[in-house]
Amino acid sequence: MEQPSGSPVRVCQFSPDSTCLASGAADGTVVLWNAQSYKLYRCGSVKDGSLVACAFSPNGSFFVTGSSCGDLTVWDDKMRCLHSEKAHDLGITCCDFSSQPVSDGEQGLQFFRLASCGQDCQVKIWVVSFTRIFGFELKYKSMLSGHCAPVLACAFSHDGQMLVSGSVDKSVIVYDTNTENILHTLTQHTRYVTTCAFAPHTLLLATGSMDKTVNIWQFDLETLCQARSTEDHLKQFTEDWSEEDVSTWLCAQGLKDLVGIFKMNNIDGKELLNLTKESLAADLQIVLTCWTHWDLICSGPSDVLSLSSMKMPTTESLGLRSKVLRKIEELRTRVKSLSSEIPDEFICPITRELMKDPVIASDGYSYEKEAMENWISTKKRTSPMTNLVLPSVVLTPNRTLKMAIDRWLELHQK
């Protein structure tokens, strides 16, 4: 089965009933094949860019393609173009349908969620419906935040309750599709996250990365509906943590018994990082020294607590204080690392230096402009990342990435 235009195929996707196969090419052509006879059924093409993403609706009545120019195009099963819309400014990288309908409307209308992600660092949610009687409708619903670099992959869970995305910022984010809250932020990959997939019948997630690893994650049913994980909190600067964030961190470190005293002393993220051995002993001594015997007496209507008797701290109490200090020191180290290390997505793959004038090449990756121009002139138009021939030598300024680098530099200099 050869693409009629002779252009390299960038994406292909089977229909839900496996009767059709759609393939999209670097020149913008899209072909619908009969998957039983392996014969070409219909052809079409988009106006600009390469086709880099494709997804069929759960009922198979239409499919969506995404281009490197940022357009979402919708086709019916006869290859008629139903709709085209600019979805992402710097190019689409992936799209996926939720297999579960949002709701059944009047007269049998079905609505499906569609997720798209792109070079603009955004994950967008769309609501799509199509019937032969009422026609087609695509509505933008919302944008999911969390990534600070181009998003390369997204996928819905098979029950439609979760959406996962992977990014050049090396993180994987899992969202609750109903509330659109972040459930988990996974930061174990050390390079770009390029692909992700949910298992059909078990609570497993696979993520793949440029770090040459595939990670498998298993969800804990008891914590699946938590609004945010501790790793997600760590990704933010800890100085901005609220008292509730500190309580969440304490619980994650096995220090749940200390939540009350930390709240009583209004310990937020900034205060947490400034705690020392002396302040733990002086300001939080009632709990952290764990006196072996003491009586609390309520005096008067104000319920003021006083100590009637107490003994010296035990070895166990000193061990607890040491544990708290050790955990705080680990947190300081991790925060320092997060705030000072140059993010990998800010480094040019060619020069391995911080980019000053980032551009996007036709392979979808960002490079320092001067380095990429030199590469193209001396390396016969091949991609530094994939080693494939570049479909175009046009370099597009990556303004979003440049702004992110400038913000990081500002913060780092401070």
Protein backbone atom coordinates (compact mmCIF):
# COMPACT_ATOMS: atom_id res chain seq x y z
CA MET A 1 0.00 0.00 0.00
CA GLU A 2 1.85 3.07 -1.22
CA GLN A 3 0.84 6.63 -0.44
CA PRO A 4 -0.40 7.91 -3.86
CA SER A 5 1.57 11.15 -3.62
CA GLY A 6 4.80 9.29 -2.91
CA SER A 7 5.33 11.36 0.25
CA PRO A 8 6.62 9.84 3.52
CA VAL A 9 3.81 8.60 5.78
CA ARG A 10 3.81 10.30 9.19
CA VAL A 11 0.75 8.79 10.86
CA CYS A 12 -1.79 5.98 10.44
CA GLN A 13 -4.86 4.86 12.38
CA PHE A 14 -7.44 2.05 12.16
CA SER A 15 -11.15 2.75 12.48
CA PRO A 16 -12.81 1.26 15.61
CA ASP A 17 -14.37 -1.61 13.63
CA SER A 18 -11.08 -2.25 11.76
CA THR A 19 -12.71 -1.89 8.33
CA CYS A 20 -10.78 1.26 7.39
CA LEU A 21 -7.28 2.61 7.77
CA ALA A 22 -6.36 6.28 7.49
CA SER A 23 -2.82 7.37 6.62
CA GLY A 24 -1.41 10.90 6.58
CA ALA A 25 1.75 12.05 4.84
CA ALA A 26 4.40 14.75 5.07
CA ASP A 27 2.91 16.63 2.08
CA GLY A 28 -0.50 16.97 3.76
CA THR A 29 -2.26 14.18 1.86
CA VAL A 30 -4.59 11.83 3.71
CA VAL A 31 -5.79 8.47 2.38
CA LEU A 32 -8.61 6.21 3.51
CA TRP A 33 -7.90 2.54 2.77
CA ASN A 34 -10.19 -0.48 2.79
CA ALA A 35 -8.57 -2.62 5.48
CA GLN A 36 -10.06 -5.87 4.12
CA SER A 37 -9.09 -5.55 0.45
CA TYR A 38 -6.07 -3.27 1.07
CA LYS A 39 -7.36 -1.04 -1.73
CA LEU A 40 -7.35 2.74 -1.77
CA TYR A 41 -10.84 4.11 -1.07
CA ARG A 42 -10.58 7.92 -1.12
CA CYS A 43 -7.93 10.65 -0.96
CA GLY A 44 -7.84 14.18 0.40
CA SER A 45 -5.35 16.79 1.52
CA VAL A 46 -4.98 19.68 3.94
CA LYS A 47 -4.00 23.16 2.83
CA ASP A 48 -0.71 23.51 4.73
CA GLY A 49 1.76 21.42 6.65
CA SER A 50 2.47 17.75 7.25
CA LEU A 51 -0.09 15.41 8.79
CA VAL A 52 1.29 14.33 12.15
CA ALA A 53 -1.80 13.20 14.11
CA CYS A 54 -4.95 11.17 13.44
CA ALA A 55 -7.82 9.80 15.54
CA PHE A 56 -11.15 8.11 14.73
CA SER A 57 -14.33 8.92 16.59
CA PRO A 58 -15.49 6.02 18.83
CA ASN A 59 -18.44 5.29 16.53
CA GLY A 60 -16.25 5.40 13.42
CA SER A 61 -18.44 7.88 11.56
CA PHE A 62 -15.64 10.46 11.21
CA PHE A 63 -11.96 11.00 11.96
CA VAL A 64 -9.72 13.95 12.78
CA THR A 65 -6.27 14.81 11.45
CA GLY A 66 -3.78 17.28 12.90
CA SER A 67 -1.11 19.14 10.94
CA SER A 68 2.29 20.60 11.70
CA CYS A 69 0.77 24.02 10.95
CA GLY A 70 -1.71 23.61 13.82
CA ASP A 71 -4.94 22.79 11.96
CA LEU A 72 -7.49 20.22 13.15
CA THR A 73 -9.39 18.85 10.14
CA VAL A 74 -12.44 16.61 10.40
CA TRP A 75 -13.37 14.07 7.71
CA ASP A 76 -16.42 11.83 7.40
CA ASP A 77 -16.20 8.17 6.35
CA LYS A 78 -16.60 9.25 2.69
CA MET A 79 -13.50 11.47 2.96
CA ARG A 80 -15.51 14.69 2.80
CA CYS A 81 -13.96 17.55 4.75
CA LEU A 82 -16.49 18.56 7.42
CA HIS A 83 -14.53 21.19 9.27
CA SER A 84 -11.07 22.72 9.65
CA GLU A 85 -9.91 24.90 12.52
CA LYS A 86 -6.67 26.45 13.74
CA ALA A 87 -6.19 24.64 17.05
CA HIS A 88 -2.54 25.20 18.05
CA ASP A 89 -0.42 28.14 16.94
CA LEU A 90 2.87 26.29 16.50
CA GLY A 91 1.64 22.93 15.24
CA ILE A 92 -0.28 19.90 16.49
CA THR A 93 1.65 16.91 17.78
CA CYS A 94 -1.06 14.45 18.84
CA CYS A 95 -4.82 14.01 19.28
CA ASP A 96 -7.07 11.38 20.83
CA PHE A 97 -10.79 10.70 21.34
CA SER A 98 -12.32 9.52 24.58
CA SER A 99 -14.11 6.23 23.91
CA GLN A 100 -16.96 7.21 26.23
CA PRO A 101 -19.66 9.71 25.13
CA VAL A 102 -20.05 12.81 27.25
CA SER A 103 -23.83 12.49 27.15
CA ASP A 104 -26.68 11.32 24.99
CA GLY A 105 -28.51 14.36 23.74
CA GLU A 106 -31.98 14.61 22.29
CA GLN A 107 -32.86 12.51 19.24
CA GLY A 108 -29.87 10.23 19.73
CA LEU A 109 -27.11 12.85 19.52
CA GLN A 110 -23.79 11.70 20.91
CA PHE A 111 -21.03 14.00 22.10
CA PHE A 112 -17.40 12.94 22.43
CA ARG A 113 -14.36 14.54 24.03
CA LEU A 114 -11.37 15.17 21.80
CA ALA A 115 -7.95 16.10 23.20
CA SER A 116 -5.28 17.82 21.11
CA CYS A 117 -1.79 18.88 22.10
CA GLY A 118 0.85 20.95 20.38
CA GLN A 119 4.10 22.82 20.16
CA ASP A 120 2.45 25.75 21.99
CA CYS A 121 2.73 23.81 25.30
CA GLN A 122 -1.04 23.41 25.50
CA VAL A 123 -3.47 20.53 25.88
CA LYS A 124 -6.93 21.48 24.60
CA ILE A 125 -10.26 19.72 25.10
CA TRP A 126 -12.95 19.82 22.40
CA VAL A 127 -16.52 18.52 22.32
CA VAL A 128 -17.49 16.88 19.03
CA SER A 129 -20.80 15.64 17.65
CA PHE A 130 -21.85 14.39 14.22
CA THR A 131 -25.01 12.85 12.78
CA ARG A 132 -26.21 12.63 9.19
CA ILE A 133 -29.38 14.53 10.13
CA PHE A 134 -28.01 17.31 12.33
CA GLY A 135 -24.54 17.57 10.81
CA PHE A 136 -21.19 18.15 12.47
CA GLU A 137 -20.20 20.40 15.35
CA LEU A 138 -16.79 20.99 16.96
CA LYS A 139 -16.67 23.19 20.06
CA TYR A 140 -13.61 24.29 22.02
CA LYS A 141 -14.22 23.49 25.69
CA SER A 142 -11.13 24.19 27.78
CA MET A 143 -7.36 24.20 28.07
CA LEU A 144 -5.50 22.02 30.59
CA SER A 145 -2.53 23.65 32.29
CA GLY A 146 0.58 22.05 33.70
CA HIS A 147 3.24 21.78 30.99
CA CYS A 148 5.85 24.48 30.33
CA ALA A 149 7.17 23.09 27.02
CA PRO A 150 5.73 21.49 23.84
CA VAL A 151 3.38 18.58 24.53
CA LEU A 152 4.27 15.58 22.36
CA ALA A 153 1.69 12.92 23.34
CA CYS A 154 -1.75 12.48 24.86
CA ALA A 155 -4.13 9.57 25.47
CA PHE A 156 -7.47 8.94 27.19
CA SER A 157 -7.95 5.99 29.51
CA HIS A 158 -10.34 3.37 28.15
CA ASP A 159 -13.08 4.33 30.61
CA GLY A 160 -12.67 7.98 29.64
CA GLN A 161 -12.07 9.07 33.23
CA MET A 162 -8.43 10.11 32.80
CA LEU A 163 -6.27 11.87 30.23
CA VAL A 164 -2.48 11.64 30.19
CA SER A 165 0.00 13.93 28.41
CA GLY A 166 3.77 13.83 27.95
CA SER A 167 6.00 16.80 27.21
CA VAL A 168 9.39 18.15 26.26
CA ASP A 169 9.56 19.37 29.88
CA LYS A 170 10.19 15.66 30.76
CA SER A 171 6.98 15.40 32.79
CA VAL A 172 3.89 13.22 32.47
CA ILE A 173 0.62 14.70 33.73
CA VAL A 174 -2.53 12.68 34.48
CA TYR A 175 -5.81 14.65 34.53
CA ASP A 176 -9.29 13.83 35.78
CA THR A 177 -11.41 14.40 32.66
CA ASN A 178 -14.53 15.31 34.63
CA THR A 179 -13.05 17.94 36.95
CA GLU A 180 -9.98 18.67 34.76
CA ASN A 181 -7.88 18.66 37.92
CA ILE A 182 -4.35 17.26 37.89
CA LEU A 183 -4.27 13.84 39.57
CA HIS A 184 -0.57 13.12 39.21
CA THR A 185 2.57 14.73 37.84
CA LEU A 186 5.29 12.16 37.11
CA THR A 187 8.83 13.46 36.75
CA GLN A 188 10.98 10.33 36.59
CA HIS A 189 11.95 10.62 32.91
CA THR A 190 15.18 12.51 32.25
CA ARG A 191 14.51 13.49 28.61
CA TYR A 192 11.51 14.42 26.42
CA VAL A 193 8.43 12.25 26.97
CA THR A 194 7.37 11.22 23.46
CA THR A 195 4.55 8.68 23.92
CA CYS A 196 2.04 7.40 26.46
CA ALA A 197 -0.67 4.73 26.57
CA PHE A 198 -3.25 3.33 29.00
CA ALA A 199 -3.85 -0.42 29.28
CA PRO A 200 -7.38 -1.42 28.15
CA HIS A 201 -8.48 -3.47 31.18
CA THR A 202 -6.10 -2.70 34.04
CA LEU A 203 -5.00 0.44 35.86
CA LEU A 204 -1.64 0.62 34.09
CA LEU A 205 0.00 3.49 32.23
CA ALA A 206 3.06 3.26 29.97
CA THR A 207 5.25 6.26 29.09
CA GLY A 208 8.19 6.37 26.68
CA SER A 209 10.96 8.92 26.48
CA MET A 210 14.05 10.10 24.64
CA ASP A 211 15.94 8.83 27.70
CA LYS A 212 15.58 5.36 26.08
CA THR A 213 13.25 3.99 28.76
CA VAL A 214 9.64 2.88 29.01
CA ASN A 215 8.11 3.41 32.44
CA ILE A 216 5.09 1.44 33.67
CA TRP A 217 2.86 3.02 36.30
CA GLN A 218 0.15 1.33 38.38
CA PHE A 219 -2.60 3.46 39.86
CA ASP A 220 -3.60 3.15 43.49
CA LEU A 221 -7.41 3.03 43.66
CA GLU A 222 -7.44 4.71 47.08
CA THR A 223 -5.56 7.78 45.88
CA LEU A 224 -6.74 7.93 42.27
CA CYS A 225 -9.14 10.78 42.95
CA GLN A 226 -6.73 12.99 44.87
CA ALA A 227 -6.58 16.44 43.35
CA ARG A 228 -2.79 16.58 43.20
CA SER A 229 0.14 14.35 44.08
CA THR A 230 3.14 15.31 46.18
CA GLU A 231 5.30 15.26 43.05
CA ASP A 232 3.01 17.84 41.50
CA HIS A 233 3.48 20.08 44.53
CA LEU A 234 7.25 19.65 44.32
CA LYS A 235 7.24 20.87 40.75
CA GLN A 236 6.05 24.23 42.00
CA PHE A 237 8.37 26.34 44.10
CA THR A 238 7.93 25.16 47.67
CA GLU A 239 8.09 28.73 48.96
CA ASP A 240 4.58 29.16 47.54
CA TRP A 241 3.08 26.20 49.42
CA SER A 242 0.08 26.90 51.61
CA GLU A 243 -0.38 25.37 55.06
CA GLU A 244 -2.49 22.65 53.42
CA ASP A 245 0.34 21.88 50.98
CA VAL A 246 2.71 21.47 53.92
CA SER A 247 0.22 19.10 55.57
CA THR A 248 0.06 17.03 52.37
CA TRP A 249 3.86 16.84 52.31
CA LEU A 250 4.04 15.77 55.97
CA CYS A 251 1.57 12.94 55.35
CA ALA A 252 3.57 11.77 52.32
CA GLN A 253 6.71 11.63 54.49
CA GLY A 254 5.06 9.50 57.18
CA LEU A 255 4.78 12.45 59.58
CA LYS A 256 1.00 12.67 59.77
CA ASP A 257 1.06 13.10 63.58
CA LEU A 258 2.80 16.46 63.18
CA VAL A 259 0.14 18.04 60.96
CA GLY A 260 -1.72 19.57 63.92
CA ILE A 261 1.28 21.32 65.45
CA PHE A 262 2.46 22.65 62.08
CA LYS A 263 -1.01 24.08 61.41
CA MET A 264 -1.16 25.55 64.92
CA ASN A 265 2.08 27.41 64.19
CA ASN A 266 0.94 28.46 60.68
CA ILE A 267 3.85 26.75 58.91
CA ASP A 268 3.59 27.40 55.17
CA GLY A 269 6.16 26.58 52.47
CA LYS A 270 8.44 29.51 53.22
CA GLU A 271 8.43 28.80 56.95
CA LEU A 272 9.02 25.09 56.32
CA LEU A 273 12.22 25.69 54.36
CA ASN A 274 13.49 28.05 57.09
CA LEU A 275 12.98 25.60 59.98
CA THR A 276 16.18 24.69 61.84
CA LYS A 277 17.11 22.39 64.71
CA GLU A 278 16.82 25.35 67.08
CA SER A 279 13.42 26.50 65.82
CA LEU A 280 12.05 22.96 65.94
CA ALA A 281 13.09 22.72 69.58
CA ALA A 282 12.02 26.23 70.60
CA ASP A 283 8.89 26.95 68.58
CA LEU A 284 7.46 23.45 68.04
CA GLN A 285 8.76 21.81 71.22
CA ILE A 286 5.43 20.53 72.56
CA VAL A 287 5.00 17.87 69.90
CA LEU A 288 8.44 17.50 68.34
CA THR A 289 10.16 16.69 71.63
CA CYS A 290 7.44 14.11 72.35
CA TRP A 291 7.48 14.43 76.15
CA THR A 292 6.80 11.04 77.72
CA HIS A 293 4.24 12.37 80.15
CA TRP A 294 2.30 15.57 80.28
CA ASP A 295 -1.16 16.73 81.27
CA LEU A 296 -3.09 19.39 79.41
CA ILE A 297 -5.26 21.58 81.60
CA CYS A 298 -7.89 23.86 80.13
CA SER A 299 -8.03 27.07 82.10
CA GLY A 300 -10.93 29.43 81.64
CA PRO A 301 -13.28 29.95 78.71
CA SER A 302 -10.42 30.66 76.29
CA ASP A 303 -9.21 27.04 76.56
CA VAL A 304 -5.58 28.06 77.05
CA LEU A 305 -3.38 24.94 77.37
CA SER A 306 -0.62 24.67 79.95
CA LEU A 307 1.75 21.91 81.03
CA SER A 308 1.31 20.55 84.56
CA SER A 309 4.12 18.03 84.44
CA MET A 310 6.57 16.62 81.94
CA LYS A 311 9.69 14.49 81.67
CA MET A 312 12.82 14.66 79.55
CA PRO A 313 12.56 13.78 75.84
CA THR A 314 13.13 10.14 74.96
CA THR A 315 15.46 8.65 72.34
CA GLU A 316 12.35 8.12 70.20
CA SER A 317 11.48 11.82 70.32
CA LEU A 318 15.01 12.86 69.33
CA GLY A 319 14.84 10.42 66.44
CA LEU A 320 11.59 12.03 65.30
CA ARG A 321 13.17 15.49 65.35
CA SER A 322 16.13 14.16 63.34
CA LYS A 323 13.74 12.65 60.80
CA VAL A 324 11.93 15.97 60.37
CA LEU A 325 15.23 17.81 59.91
CA ARG A 326 16.43 15.21 57.39
CA LYS A 327 13.23 15.44 55.34
CA ILE A 328 13.36 19.24 55.31
CA GLU A 329 17.00 19.15 54.18
CA GLU A 330 16.09 16.72 51.36
CA LEU A 331 13.32 19.09 50.32
CA ARG A 332 15.71 22.07 50.30
CA THR A 333 18.14 20.13 48.11
CA ARG A 334 15.43 19.14 45.62
CA VAL A 335 14.00 22.67 45.45
CA LYS A 336 17.49 24.09 44.88
CA SER A 337 18.05 21.58 42.09
CA LEU A 338 14.72 22.36 40.44
CA SER A 339 15.25 26.11 40.58
CA SER A 340 18.87 26.23 39.43
CA GLU A 341 19.41 23.43 36.89
CA ILE A 342 18.88 24.44 33.26
CA PRO A 343 15.79 22.56 32.02
CA ASP A 344 16.67 20.12 29.25
CA GLU A 345 14.04 21.58 26.93
CA PHE A 346 15.90 24.94 27.02
CA ILE A 347 19.10 23.34 25.68
CA CYS A 348 19.76 23.13 21.94
CA PRO A 349 20.17 19.47 20.87
CA ILE A 350 23.03 20.52 18.58
CA THR A 351 25.13 22.86 20.74
CA ARG A 352 23.97 21.49 24.15
CA GLU A 353 23.85 25.10 25.33
CA LEU A 354 21.01 27.34 26.49
CA MET A 355 19.10 28.63 23.46
CA LYS A 356 18.94 32.37 22.84
CA ASP A 357 16.95 32.37 19.58
CA PRO A 358 14.97 29.06 19.47
CA VAL A 359 13.31 27.98 16.21
CA ILE A 360 11.12 25.02 15.29
CA ALA A 361 12.29 22.90 12.37
CA SER A 362 10.03 20.77 10.16
CA ASP A 363 10.91 17.68 12.27
CA GLY A 364 8.95 19.25 15.14
CA TYR A 365 11.96 19.89 17.41
CA SER A 366 13.40 23.21 18.58
CA TYR A 367 17.00 24.32 17.99
CA GLU A 368 19.21 27.40 18.30
CA LYS A 369 18.61 29.26 15.03
CA GLU A 370 22.26 29.77 14.01
CA ALA A 371 23.18 26.16 14.89
CA MET A 372 20.28 24.75 12.88
CA GLU A 373 21.04 26.94 9.86
CA ASN A 374 24.63 25.69 9.91
CA TRP A 375 23.41 22.11 10.32
CA ILE A 376 21.10 22.35 7.30
CA SER A 377 23.82 23.83 5.10
CA THR A 378 26.39 21.14 5.99
CA LYS A 379 24.32 18.00 6.73
CA LYS A 380 22.17 17.69 3.60
CA ARG A 381 18.88 18.69 5.25
CA THR A 382 18.70 15.84 7.75
CA SER A 383 17.12 16.13 11.18
CA PRO A 384 19.61 16.19 14.10
CA MET A 385 17.09 14.27 16.22
CA THR A 386 15.74 11.63 13.82
CA ASN A 387 18.40 11.57 11.08
CA LEU A 388 15.57 11.64 8.49
CA VAL A 389 15.44 14.08 5.59
CA LEU A 390 13.69 17.29 6.59
CA PRO A 391 10.49 17.82 4.55
CA SER A 392 11.21 21.57 4.64
CA VAL A 393 14.11 23.83 5.58
CA VAL A 394 11.80 26.57 6.87
CA LEU A 395 12.59 27.52 10.50
CA THR A 396 9.78 29.04 12.56
CA PRO A 397 10.60 31.23 15.60
CA ASN A 398 9.51 29.45 18.80
CA ARG A 399 8.28 32.50 20.69
CA THR A 400 6.60 30.46 23.43
CA LEU A 401 9.87 28.68 24.26
CA LYS A 402 11.83 31.93 24.11
CA MET A 403 9.44 33.53 26.62
CA ALA A 404 9.80 30.50 28.91
CA ILE A 405 13.62 30.73 28.72
CA ASP A 406 13.51 34.47 29.44
CA ARG A 407 11.26 33.87 32.49
CA TRP A 408 13.60 31.16 33.75
CA LEU A 409 16.64 33.41 33.30
CA GLU A 410 14.89 36.20 35.20
CA LEU A 411 14.11 33.89 38.10
CA HIS A 412 17.57 32.29 38.07
CA GLN A 413 19.32 35.66 38.12
CA LYS A 414 17.23 36.76 41.09
